Amino acid sequence: MPKNIVLDLQQDPELLNTTAKEWAEAINYTKKTQVRNFYDKVLELQEEIKKEGFENVYPFIKMLNSKVAYGVSRRVVSREFQNMMQQCLDQIKLDANGKEKFEVFKLFFEAVLGFFKGRD
């Protein structure tokens, strides 16, 4: 199992490299299209934050947990992917650091996607 995710580039300077690579290997049984679909949803949420503000989009960020759970029930998303997403989403709070944590999450997810797609 890969190490716990800390959405802080100072606490984990390897977040976008080694940590992301470990998680890309761990989520191996998730369908590629699903990983891409979830990443696209994160990009959509990032655009919505720019238009509507973080506070208004926050509930939809948290709703990703239920979408991932649904993917697990359909067997298109692995438990490891669910674990990764849950660890990240749990760190995004409706506070002064929330928007920044979301941005780091997006970068982490982008790095995971790059390693995930480059594995075969």
N, C-alpha and C. Protein backbone atom coordinates (compact mmCIF):
# COMPACT_ATOMS: atom_id res chain seq x y z
N MET A 1 0.85 -1.19 0.00
CA MET A 1 0.00 0.00 0.00
C MET A 1 0.89 1.24 0.00
N PRO A 2 0.60 2.18 -0.86
CA PRO A 2 1.39 3.41 -0.90
C PRO A 2 1.22 4.22 0.38
N LYS A 3 2.12 5.16 0.57
CA LYS A 3 2.06 5.97 1.79
C LYS A 3 0.84 6.88 1.77
N ASN A 4 0.47 7.36 2.95
CA ASN A 4 -0.65 8.27 3.07
C ASN A 4 -0.39 9.55 2.29
N ILE A 5 -1.44 10.11 1.77
CA ILE A 5 -1.35 11.32 0.97
C ILE A 5 -1.48 12.53 1.89
N VAL A 6 -0.53 13.45 1.77
CA VAL A 6 -0.59 14.72 2.48
C VAL A 6 -0.56 15.80 1.40
N LEU A 7 -1.67 16.52 1.28
CA LEU A 7 -1.78 17.56 0.24
C LEU A 7 -1.05 18.82 0.65
N ASP A 8 0.25 18.69 0.78
CA ASP A 8 1.10 19.80 1.17
C ASP A 8 2.48 19.56 0.56
N LEU A 9 2.86 20.41 -0.38
CA LEU A 9 4.12 20.21 -1.11
C LEU A 9 5.35 20.44 -0.24
N GLN A 10 5.19 21.15 0.87
CA GLN A 10 6.32 21.33 1.78
C GLN A 10 6.48 20.11 2.69
N GLN A 11 5.38 19.54 3.13
CA GLN A 11 5.45 18.34 3.96
C GLN A 11 5.84 17.11 3.15
N ASP A 12 5.41 17.06 1.90
CA ASP A 12 5.76 15.94 1.02
C ASP A 12 6.25 16.49 -0.31
N PRO A 13 7.54 16.83 -0.39
CA PRO A 13 8.07 17.37 -1.64
C PRO A 13 8.01 16.38 -2.79
N GLU A 14 7.80 15.09 -2.49
CA GLU A 14 7.70 14.06 -3.53
C GLU A 14 6.25 13.75 -3.92
N LEU A 15 5.31 14.56 -3.45
CA LEU A 15 3.90 14.31 -3.70
C LEU A 15 3.59 14.14 -5.18
N LEU A 16 4.16 15.01 -6.01
CA LEU A 16 3.85 14.99 -7.44
C LEU A 16 4.76 14.05 -8.23
N ASN A 17 5.62 13.34 -7.53
CA ASN A 17 6.55 12.42 -8.19
C ASN A 17 6.39 11.02 -7.60
N THR A 18 7.16 10.70 -6.58
CA THR A 18 7.17 9.35 -6.02
C THR A 18 5.82 8.94 -5.46
N THR A 19 5.21 9.82 -4.68
CA THR A 19 3.91 9.49 -4.09
C THR A 19 2.87 9.26 -5.17
N ALA A 20 2.84 10.12 -6.17
CA ALA A 20 1.88 9.96 -7.27
C ALA A 20 2.13 8.66 -8.04
N LYS A 21 3.39 8.33 -8.25
CA LYS A 21 3.71 7.09 -8.97
C LYS A 21 3.26 5.87 -8.18
N GLU A 22 3.48 5.88 -6.86
CA GLU A 22 3.04 4.76 -6.02
C GLU A 22 1.53 4.58 -6.10
N TRP A 23 0.81 5.69 -6.07
CA TRP A 23 -0.65 5.60 -6.14
C TRP A 23 -1.13 5.19 -7.52
N ALA A 24 -0.43 5.61 -8.56
CA ALA A 24 -0.80 5.19 -9.92
C ALA A 24 -0.68 3.67 -10.05
N GLU A 25 0.34 3.10 -9.42
CA GLU A 25 0.51 1.64 -9.44
C GLU A 25 -0.55 0.96 -8.58
N ALA A 26 -0.94 1.59 -7.48
CA ALA A 26 -1.91 0.99 -6.56
C ALA A 26 -3.32 0.94 -7.14
N ILE A 27 -3.67 1.90 -7.97
CA ILE A 27 -5.03 1.95 -8.53
C ILE A 27 -5.13 1.18 -9.84
N ASN A 28 -4.22 0.30 -10.06
CA ASN A 28 -4.08 -0.46 -11.30
C ASN A 28 -5.37 -1.09 -11.81
N TYR A 29 -6.26 -1.50 -10.90
CA TYR A 29 -7.48 -2.20 -11.34
C TYR A 29 -8.64 -1.27 -11.64
N THR A 30 -8.38 0.00 -11.67
CA THR A 30 -9.41 0.97 -12.07
C THR A 30 -9.31 1.16 -13.58
N LYS A 31 -10.45 1.24 -14.22
CA LYS A 31 -10.46 1.43 -15.68
C LYS A 31 -9.89 2.80 -16.02
N LYS A 32 -9.06 2.83 -17.08
CA LYS A 32 -8.42 4.09 -17.50
C LYS A 32 -9.44 5.18 -17.77
N THR A 33 -10.54 4.81 -18.42
CA THR A 33 -11.56 5.82 -18.75
C THR A 33 -12.15 6.43 -17.48
N GLN A 34 -12.27 5.63 -16.43
CA GLN A 34 -12.83 6.16 -15.19
C GLN A 34 -11.87 7.14 -14.51
N VAL A 35 -10.58 6.81 -14.52
CA VAL A 35 -9.60 7.73 -13.94
C VAL A 35 -9.66 9.06 -14.69
N ARG A 36 -9.71 8.98 -16.01
CA ARG A 36 -9.77 10.19 -16.82
C ARG A 36 -11.08 10.96 -16.58
N ASN A 37 -12.19 10.24 -16.47
CA ASN A 37 -13.47 10.89 -16.21
C ASN A 37 -13.47 11.65 -14.88
N PHE A 38 -12.90 11.03 -13.85
CA PHE A 38 -12.84 11.71 -12.56
C PHE A 38 -11.90 12.92 -12.61
N TYR A 39 -10.80 12.77 -13.31
CA TYR A 39 -9.89 13.92 -13.45
C TYR A 39 -10.59 15.06 -14.20
N ASP A 40 -11.31 14.72 -15.25
CA ASP A 40 -12.06 15.74 -15.99
C ASP A 40 -13.08 16.44 -15.09
N LYS A 41 -13.70 15.69 -14.20
CA LYS A 41 -14.66 16.28 -13.27
C LYS A 41 -13.96 17.26 -12.33
N VAL A 42 -12.75 16.90 -11.90
CA VAL A 42 -11.97 17.80 -11.04
C VAL A 42 -11.65 19.09 -11.80
N LEU A 43 -11.31 18.97 -13.06
CA LEU A 43 -11.03 20.17 -13.88
C LEU A 43 -12.29 21.04 -14.02
N GLU A 44 -13.44 20.39 -14.20
CA GLU A 44 -14.70 21.13 -14.27
C GLU A 44 -14.95 21.89 -12.96
N LEU A 45 -14.71 21.22 -11.84
CA LEU A 45 -14.90 21.87 -10.55
C LEU A 45 -13.95 23.04 -10.38
N GLN A 46 -12.73 22.91 -10.88
CA GLN A 46 -11.77 24.02 -10.82
C GLN A 46 -12.30 25.23 -11.59
N GLU A 47 -12.88 25.00 -12.75
CA GLU A 47 -13.47 26.09 -13.53
C GLU A 47 -14.66 26.71 -12.81
N GLU A 48 -15.47 25.87 -12.20
CA GLU A 48 -16.62 26.37 -11.45
C GLU A 48 -16.18 27.23 -10.26
N ILE A 49 -15.09 26.84 -9.62
CA ILE A 49 -14.57 27.65 -8.51
C ILE A 49 -14.22 29.04 -8.99
N LYS A 50 -13.63 29.14 -10.17
CA LYS A 50 -13.26 30.45 -10.73
C LYS A 50 -14.50 31.31 -10.96
N LYS A 51 -15.61 30.69 -11.37
CA LYS A 51 -16.84 31.43 -11.68
C LYS A 51 -17.70 31.68 -10.45
N GLU A 52 -17.88 30.63 -9.64
CA GLU A 52 -18.86 30.67 -8.56
C GLU A 52 -18.24 30.88 -7.17
N GLY A 53 -16.95 30.64 -7.04
CA GLY A 53 -16.30 30.73 -5.74
C GLY A 53 -16.21 29.37 -5.07
N PHE A 54 -15.16 29.19 -4.28
CA PHE A 54 -14.89 27.91 -3.63
C PHE A 54 -16.05 27.47 -2.74
N GLU A 55 -16.59 28.39 -1.96
CA GLU A 55 -17.65 28.06 -1.00
C GLU A 55 -18.87 27.45 -1.70
N ASN A 56 -19.19 27.95 -2.88
CA ASN A 56 -20.37 27.46 -3.60
C ASN A 56 -20.12 26.10 -4.27
N VAL A 57 -18.89 25.81 -4.58
CA VAL A 57 -18.55 24.55 -5.28
C VAL A 57 -18.19 23.45 -4.28
N TYR A 58 -17.84 23.83 -3.07
CA TYR A 58 -17.39 22.89 -2.04
C TYR A 58 -18.28 21.64 -1.91
N PRO A 59 -19.60 21.78 -1.83
CA PRO A 59 -20.44 20.57 -1.69
C PRO A 59 -20.25 19.59 -2.85
N PHE A 60 -20.00 20.12 -4.04
CA PHE A 60 -19.83 19.25 -5.21
C PHE A 60 -18.46 18.57 -5.22
N ILE A 61 -17.49 19.21 -4.58
CA ILE A 61 -16.18 18.57 -4.40
C ILE A 61 -16.37 17.35 -3.50
N LYS A 62 -17.07 17.53 -2.39
CA LYS A 62 -17.31 16.43 -1.46
C LYS A 62 -18.17 15.33 -2.09
N MET A 63 -19.03 15.71 -3.02
CA MET A 63 -19.90 14.74 -3.69
C MET A 63 -19.11 13.74 -4.53
N LEU A 64 -17.85 14.07 -4.85
CA LEU A 64 -17.02 13.12 -5.59
C LEU A 64 -16.91 11.79 -4.83
N ASN A 65 -16.94 11.84 -3.49
CA ASN A 65 -16.89 10.60 -2.71
C ASN A 65 -18.02 9.65 -3.10
N SER A 66 -19.22 10.18 -3.25
CA SER A 66 -20.36 9.31 -3.61
C SER A 66 -20.24 8.81 -5.04
N LYS A 67 -19.71 9.62 -5.92
CA LYS A 67 -19.51 9.19 -7.31
C LYS A 67 -18.48 8.06 -7.39
N VAL A 68 -17.44 8.17 -6.59
CA VAL A 68 -16.42 7.11 -6.54
C VAL A 68 -17.04 5.84 -5.96
N ALA A 69 -17.82 5.97 -4.90
CA ALA A 69 -18.47 4.80 -4.29
C ALA A 69 -19.37 4.10 -5.30
N TYR A 70 -20.06 4.87 -6.10
CA TYR A 70 -20.91 4.30 -7.15
C TYR A 70 -20.05 3.53 -8.16
N GLY A 71 -18.90 4.10 -8.52
CA GLY A 71 -17.98 3.41 -9.43
C GLY A 71 -17.47 2.10 -8.86
N VAL A 72 -17.22 2.08 -7.56
CA VAL A 72 -16.80 0.84 -6.89
C VAL A 72 -17.92 -0.19 -6.99
N SER A 73 -19.15 0.23 -6.75
CA SER A 73 -20.28 -0.71 -6.79
C SER A 73 -20.48 -1.27 -8.20
N ARG A 74 -20.10 -0.53 -9.21
CA ARG A 74 -20.20 -0.99 -10.60
C ARG A 74 -18.96 -1.77 -11.04
N ARG A 75 -17.97 -1.83 -10.17
CA ARG A 75 -16.70 -2.53 -10.41
C ARG A 75 -15.89 -1.92 -11.57
N VAL A 76 -15.99 -0.60 -11.72
CA VAL A 76 -15.17 0.10 -12.72
C VAL A 76 -14.10 0.94 -12.03
N VAL A 77 -14.21 1.03 -10.71
CA VAL A 77 -13.27 1.78 -9.89
C VAL A 77 -12.81 0.85 -8.77
N SER A 78 -11.51 0.82 -8.52
CA SER A 78 -10.97 -0.05 -7.48
C SER A 78 -11.11 0.57 -6.09
N ARG A 79 -11.02 -0.27 -5.08
CA ARG A 79 -11.04 0.20 -3.69
C ARG A 79 -9.83 1.10 -3.43
N GLU A 80 -8.71 0.81 -4.08
CA GLU A 80 -7.51 1.64 -3.92
C GLU A 80 -7.76 3.05 -4.45
N PHE A 81 -8.44 3.14 -5.59
CA PHE A 81 -8.79 4.46 -6.14
C PHE A 81 -9.71 5.19 -5.16
N GLN A 82 -10.67 4.47 -4.61
CA GLN A 82 -11.57 5.07 -3.63
C GLN A 82 -10.78 5.57 -2.42
N ASN A 83 -9.83 4.78 -1.97
CA ASN A 83 -9.00 5.17 -0.83
C ASN A 83 -8.21 6.44 -1.16
N MET A 84 -7.62 6.49 -2.34
CA MET A 84 -6.85 7.66 -2.76
C MET A 84 -7.74 8.91 -2.76
N MET A 85 -8.89 8.80 -3.40
CA MET A 85 -9.78 9.95 -3.50
C MET A 85 -10.27 10.38 -2.12
N GLN A 86 -10.61 9.42 -1.29
CA GLN A 86 -11.12 9.74 0.04
C GLN A 86 -10.06 10.44 0.88
N GLN A 87 -8.83 9.95 0.82
CA GLN A 87 -7.74 10.61 1.56
C GLN A 87 -7.60 12.07 1.13
N CYS A 88 -7.67 12.30 -0.17
CA CYS A 88 -7.51 13.66 -0.69
C CYS A 88 -8.71 14.54 -0.32
N LEU A 89 -9.90 14.04 -0.57
CA LEU A 89 -11.10 14.83 -0.34
C LEU A 89 -11.31 15.14 1.14
N ASP A 90 -10.88 14.24 2.01
CA ASP A 90 -10.99 14.49 3.45
C ASP A 90 -10.15 15.68 3.90
N GLN A 91 -9.10 15.99 3.15
CA GLN A 91 -8.21 17.10 3.52
C GLN A 91 -8.71 18.45 3.02
N ILE A 92 -9.68 18.44 2.13
CA ILE A 92 -10.23 19.68 1.58
C ILE A 92 -11.39 20.10 2.47
N LYS A 93 -11.21 21.20 3.16
CA LYS A 93 -12.20 21.69 4.11
C LYS A 93 -12.72 23.05 3.65
N LEU A 94 -13.83 23.43 4.24
CA LEU A 94 -14.41 24.74 3.96
C LEU A 94 -13.78 25.74 4.92
N ASP A 95 -12.48 26.02 4.69
CA ASP A 95 -11.74 26.95 5.53
C ASP A 95 -10.78 27.77 4.67
N ALA A 96 -9.91 28.51 5.32
CA ALA A 96 -8.99 29.39 4.60
C ALA A 96 -8.03 28.63 3.68
N ASN A 97 -7.74 27.38 3.99
CA ASN A 97 -6.81 26.58 3.17
C ASN A 97 -7.50 25.68 2.17
N GLY A 98 -8.81 25.66 2.17
CA GLY A 98 -9.56 24.73 1.33
C GLY A 98 -9.27 24.84 -0.15
N LYS A 99 -9.28 26.05 -0.66
CA LYS A 99 -9.05 26.25 -2.09
C LYS A 99 -7.64 25.81 -2.47
N GLU A 100 -6.66 26.14 -1.63
CA GLU A 100 -5.28 25.75 -1.89
C GLU A 100 -5.13 24.22 -1.87
N LYS A 101 -5.77 23.56 -0.90
CA LYS A 101 -5.73 22.09 -0.82
C LYS A 101 -6.34 21.49 -2.08
N PHE A 102 -7.43 22.09 -2.57
CA PHE A 102 -8.05 21.59 -3.80
C PHE A 102 -7.08 21.71 -4.97
N GLU A 103 -6.36 22.82 -5.05
CA GLU A 103 -5.39 23.01 -6.14
C GLU A 103 -4.27 21.97 -6.07
N VAL A 104 -3.78 21.68 -4.87
CA VAL A 104 -2.74 20.67 -4.71
C VAL A 104 -3.30 19.29 -5.06
N PHE A 105 -4.55 19.03 -4.67
CA PHE A 105 -5.22 17.78 -5.04
C PHE A 105 -5.28 17.64 -6.55
N LYS A 106 -5.64 18.71 -7.25
CA LYS A 106 -5.71 18.67 -8.71
C LYS A 106 -4.35 18.34 -9.32
N LEU A 107 -3.30 18.96 -8.80
CA LEU A 107 -1.95 18.68 -9.29
C LEU A 107 -1.54 17.24 -9.01
N PHE A 108 -1.86 16.76 -7.81
CA PHE A 108 -1.55 15.38 -7.45
C PHE A 108 -2.27 14.41 -8.38
N PHE A 109 -3.56 14.66 -8.60
CA PHE A 109 -4.36 13.80 -9.47
C PHE A 109 -3.79 13.82 -10.89
N GLU A 110 -3.37 14.99 -11.35
CA GLU A 110 -2.75 15.11 -12.68
C GLU A 110 -1.49 14.26 -12.77
N ALA A 111 -0.67 14.29 -11.73
CA ALA A 111 0.56 13.48 -11.70
C ALA A 111 0.23 11.99 -11.68
N VAL A 112 -0.75 11.61 -10.88
CA VAL A 112 -1.18 10.21 -10.84
C VAL A 112 -1.64 9.77 -12.22
N LEU A 113 -2.45 10.60 -12.86
CA LEU A 113 -2.96 10.27 -14.19
C LEU A 113 -1.81 10.08 -15.18
N GLY A 114 -0.81 10.94 -15.12
CA GLY A 114 0.33 10.81 -16.02
C GLY A 114 1.08 9.50 -15.82
N PHE A 115 1.32 9.14 -14.57
CA PHE A 115 1.99 7.86 -14.29
C PHE A 115 1.09 6.68 -14.64
N PHE A 116 -0.20 6.81 -14.39
CA PHE A 116 -1.16 5.74 -14.66
C PHE A 116 -1.24 5.43 -16.15
N LYS A 117 -1.35 6.48 -16.94
CA LYS A 117 -1.45 6.29 -18.41
C LYS A 117 -0.14 5.83 -19.00
N GLY A 118 0.99 6.19 -18.38
CA GLY A 118 2.30 5.85 -18.92
C GLY A 118 2.80 4.49 -18.51
N ARG A 119 1.98 3.73 -17.79
CA ARG A 119 2.46 2.47 -17.24
C ARG A 119 2.50 1.32 -18.23
N ASP A 120 1.77 1.41 -19.34
CA ASP A 120 1.81 0.26 -20.26
C ASP A 120 2.36 0.59 -21.59
